[in-house]
Amino acid sequence: MLHYALVFLVIALVAAVFGFGGIAAGAVGIAKILFFVFIIMAVISFAVSLIKR
């Protein structure tokens, strides 16, 4: 999931360089959502692994 967040971030940067502001804003929004979902899932996974010990 972190990979997809980075891919959308790169797409946003390339779109911003070429002047496609709407596409860049959309890609940044998707990248942010994917990053936060990744962080939440990583924290939950870490907590579950601590509880199972």
N, C-alpha and C. Protein backbone atom coordinates (compact mmCIF):
# COMPACT_ATOMS: atom_id res chain seq x y z
N MET A 1 0.83 -1.19 0.00
CA MET A 1 0.00 0.00 0.00
C MET A 1 0.87 1.25 0.00
N LEU A 2 1.98 1.18 0.71
CA LEU A 2 2.89 2.32 0.71
C LEU A 2 3.45 2.54 -0.69
N HIS A 3 3.63 1.46 -1.41
CA HIS A 3 4.13 1.56 -2.80
C HIS A 3 3.15 2.37 -3.65
N TYR A 4 1.86 2.09 -3.53
CA TYR A 4 0.87 2.82 -4.30
C TYR A 4 0.82 4.30 -3.91
N ALA A 5 1.00 4.58 -2.63
CA ALA A 5 1.02 5.97 -2.18
C ALA A 5 2.20 6.71 -2.83
N LEU A 6 3.34 6.06 -2.89
CA LEU A 6 4.50 6.69 -3.53
C LEU A 6 4.30 6.84 -5.03
N VAL A 7 3.65 5.87 -5.66
CA VAL A 7 3.38 5.97 -7.10
C VAL A 7 2.47 7.17 -7.38
N PHE A 8 1.42 7.34 -6.59
CA PHE A 8 0.53 8.47 -6.80
C PHE A 8 1.23 9.79 -6.50
N LEU A 9 2.16 9.80 -5.55
CA LEU A 9 2.92 11.01 -5.26
C LEU A 9 3.79 11.38 -6.45
N VAL A 10 4.44 10.39 -7.06
CA VAL A 10 5.27 10.66 -8.24
C VAL A 10 4.39 11.15 -9.40
N ILE A 11 3.23 10.54 -9.57
CA ILE A 11 2.31 10.99 -10.62
C ILE A 11 1.91 12.44 -10.38
N ALA A 12 1.65 12.78 -9.13
CA ALA A 12 1.27 14.16 -8.80
C ALA A 12 2.41 15.13 -9.09
N LEU A 13 3.63 14.74 -8.76
CA LEU A 13 4.77 15.62 -9.02
C LEU A 13 4.98 15.82 -10.52
N VAL A 14 4.88 14.77 -11.29
CA VAL A 14 5.04 14.88 -12.74
C VAL A 14 3.92 15.73 -13.33
N ALA A 15 2.70 15.51 -12.88
CA ALA A 15 1.57 16.30 -13.38
C ALA A 15 1.73 17.78 -13.02
N ALA A 16 2.24 18.05 -11.84
CA ALA A 16 2.45 19.44 -11.43
C ALA A 16 3.53 20.11 -12.27
N VAL A 17 4.57 19.37 -12.59
CA VAL A 17 5.65 19.93 -13.42
C VAL A 17 5.12 20.31 -14.81
N PHE A 18 4.24 19.47 -15.36
CA PHE A 18 3.72 19.75 -16.69
C PHE A 18 2.50 20.66 -16.68
N GLY A 19 2.07 21.12 -15.50
CA GLY A 19 1.01 22.11 -15.42
C GLY A 19 -0.39 21.58 -15.31
N PHE A 20 -0.54 20.30 -15.01
CA PHE A 20 -1.88 19.73 -14.86
C PHE A 20 -2.27 19.80 -13.37
N GLY A 21 -2.76 20.94 -12.95
CA GLY A 21 -3.05 21.18 -11.54
C GLY A 21 -4.15 20.30 -10.98
N GLY A 22 -5.21 20.08 -11.74
CA GLY A 22 -6.33 19.27 -11.27
C GLY A 22 -5.94 17.82 -11.06
N ILE A 23 -5.20 17.29 -12.02
CA ILE A 23 -4.74 15.90 -11.91
C ILE A 23 -3.77 15.77 -10.74
N ALA A 24 -2.88 16.75 -10.59
CA ALA A 24 -1.91 16.73 -9.50
C ALA A 24 -2.62 16.76 -8.14
N ALA A 25 -3.63 17.59 -8.01
CA ALA A 25 -4.36 17.69 -6.74
C ALA A 25 -5.08 16.38 -6.43
N GLY A 26 -5.66 15.77 -7.43
CA GLY A 26 -6.34 14.49 -7.23
C GLY A 26 -5.37 13.39 -6.82
N ALA A 27 -4.22 13.35 -7.48
CA ALA A 27 -3.23 12.33 -7.17
C ALA A 27 -2.66 12.53 -5.76
N VAL A 28 -2.47 13.77 -5.37
CA VAL A 28 -1.98 14.04 -4.02
C VAL A 28 -3.01 13.61 -2.99
N GLY A 29 -4.27 13.86 -3.25
CA GLY A 29 -5.33 13.44 -2.34
C GLY A 29 -5.36 11.92 -2.17
N ILE A 30 -5.23 11.21 -3.28
CA ILE A 30 -5.22 9.74 -3.21
C ILE A 30 -3.99 9.26 -2.46
N ALA A 31 -2.84 9.88 -2.72
CA ALA A 31 -1.61 9.49 -2.05
C ALA A 31 -1.71 9.70 -0.54
N LYS A 32 -2.32 10.81 -0.12
CA LYS A 32 -2.49 11.07 1.32
C LYS A 32 -3.38 10.01 1.97
N ILE A 33 -4.48 9.70 1.31
CA ILE A 33 -5.40 8.70 1.86
C ILE A 33 -4.71 7.35 1.99
N LEU A 34 -4.00 6.92 0.95
CA LEU A 34 -3.31 5.64 1.00
C LEU A 34 -2.23 5.62 2.07
N PHE A 35 -1.53 6.74 2.24
CA PHE A 35 -0.48 6.80 3.25
C PHE A 35 -1.07 6.67 4.65
N PHE A 36 -2.17 7.37 4.92
CA PHE A 36 -2.77 7.30 6.25
C PHE A 36 -3.38 5.93 6.51
N VAL A 37 -3.95 5.30 5.49
CA VAL A 37 -4.46 3.94 5.66
C VAL A 37 -3.30 3.00 5.98
N PHE A 38 -2.16 3.18 5.29
CA PHE A 38 -0.98 2.36 5.57
C PHE A 38 -0.52 2.55 7.01
N ILE A 39 -0.45 3.78 7.48
CA ILE A 39 -0.01 4.05 8.85
C ILE A 39 -0.95 3.40 9.86
N ILE A 40 -2.25 3.53 9.64
CA ILE A 40 -3.23 2.94 10.56
C ILE A 40 -3.10 1.43 10.58
N MET A 41 -2.95 0.82 9.41
CA MET A 41 -2.82 -0.64 9.36
C MET A 41 -1.51 -1.10 9.99
N ALA A 42 -0.45 -0.34 9.84
CA ALA A 42 0.83 -0.70 10.45
C ALA A 42 0.74 -0.64 11.97
N VAL A 43 0.10 0.39 12.51
CA VAL A 43 -0.06 0.52 13.96
C VAL A 43 -0.93 -0.62 14.50
N ILE A 44 -2.01 -0.94 13.81
CA ILE A 44 -2.88 -2.03 14.26
C ILE A 44 -2.13 -3.36 14.23
N SER A 45 -1.37 -3.58 13.18
CA SER A 45 -0.59 -4.81 13.08
C SER A 45 0.44 -4.90 14.19
N PHE A 46 1.09 -3.81 14.50
CA PHE A 46 2.07 -3.77 15.58
C PHE A 46 1.41 -4.04 16.93
N ALA A 47 0.25 -3.45 17.16
CA ALA A 47 -0.45 -3.66 18.43
C ALA A 47 -0.91 -5.10 18.57
N VAL A 48 -1.42 -5.67 17.49
CA VAL A 48 -1.87 -7.06 17.55
C VAL A 48 -0.71 -8.01 17.80
N SER A 49 0.44 -7.73 17.19
CA SER A 49 1.59 -8.59 17.42
C SER A 49 2.10 -8.49 18.86
N LEU A 50 1.96 -7.32 19.48
CA LEU A 50 2.35 -7.17 20.88
C LEU A 50 1.39 -7.91 21.80
N ILE A 51 0.10 -7.88 21.47
CA ILE A 51 -0.92 -8.53 22.31
C ILE A 51 -0.78 -10.05 22.22
N LYS A 52 -0.47 -10.58 21.04
CA LYS A 52 -0.36 -12.02 20.85
C LYS A 52 0.85 -12.63 21.57
N ARG A 53 1.83 -11.82 21.89
CA ARG A 53 3.01 -12.33 22.57
C ARG A 53 2.72 -12.74 23.93
